[in-house]
């Protein structure tokens, strides 16, 4: 199961990196920053909420 999670995380992160770079390459600086900011903040919020629910 660990290997499935690891491989899944690599494909997810590579898609995030590709889409972010594509936005930057197309001159969509605002969307690039929004994409990165929302991805990071929402992922951290989800982990925080999961941590609270598990407790």
Protein backbone atom coordinates (compact mmCIF):
# COMPACT_ATOMS: atom_id res chain seq x y z
CA UNK A 1 0.00 0.00 0.00
CA UNK A 2 2.86 2.40 0.68
CA UNK A 3 4.15 2.00 -2.87
CA UNK A 4 0.73 2.85 -4.32
CA UNK A 5 0.59 5.99 -2.19
CA UNK A 6 4.10 7.00 -3.18
CA UNK A 7 3.44 6.53 -6.90
CA UNK A 8 0.14 8.39 -6.62
CA UNK A 9 1.82 11.31 -4.91
CA UNK A 10 4.43 11.56 -7.67
CA UNK A 11 1.78 11.75 -10.40
CA UNK A 12 -0.29 14.25 -8.43
CA UNK A 13 2.69 16.50 -7.73
CA UNK A 14 3.96 16.31 -11.31
CA UNK A 15 0.52 17.35 -12.59
CA UNK A 16 0.46 20.26 -10.13
CA UNK A 17 3.96 21.33 -11.23
CA UNK A 18 3.13 20.97 -14.94
CA UNK A 19 -0.11 22.95 -14.70
CA UNK A 20 1.57 25.66 -12.64
CA UNK A 21 4.44 25.98 -15.12
CA UNK A 22 1.98 26.04 -18.04
CA UNK A 23 0.14 28.98 -16.46
CA UNK A 24 3.42 30.81 -15.91
CA UNK A 25 4.60 30.05 -19.44
CA UNK A 26 1.37 31.43 -20.91
CA UNK A 27 1.79 34.68 -18.98
CA UNK A 28 -1.06 33.92 -16.57
CA UNK A 29 0.88 35.22 -13.57
CA UNK A 30 -2.23 35.95 -11.51
CA UNK A 31 -3.65 32.46 -12.10
CA UNK A 32 -0.23 30.93 -11.46
CA UNK A 33 0.00 32.55 -8.02
CA UNK A 34 -3.63 31.77 -7.27
CA UNK A 35 -3.12 28.13 -8.25
CA UNK A 36 -0.10 27.72 -5.99
CA UNK A 37 -1.58 29.69 -3.10
CA UNK A 38 -4.91 27.88 -3.10
CA UNK A 39 -3.36 24.44 -3.55
CA UNK A 40 -1.00 24.92 -0.62
CA UNK A 41 -3.45 26.61 1.72
CA UNK A 42 -6.36 24.25 1.02
CA UNK A 43 -4.17 21.16 1.36
CA UNK A 44 -2.80 22.38 4.67
CA UNK A 45 -6.31 23.23 5.84
CA UNK A 46 -7.53 19.74 4.90
CA UNK A 47 -4.68 18.12 6.86
CA UNK A 48 -5.42 20.34 9.85
CA UNK A 49 -9.13 19.49 9.77
CA UNK A 50 -8.38 15.77 9.40
CA UNK A 51 -6.05 16.00 12.39
CA UNK A 52 -8.82 17.60 14.45
CA UNK A 53 -11.39 15.01 13.36
CA UNK A 54 -9.10 12.11 14.20
CA UNK A 55 -8.50 13.40 17.71
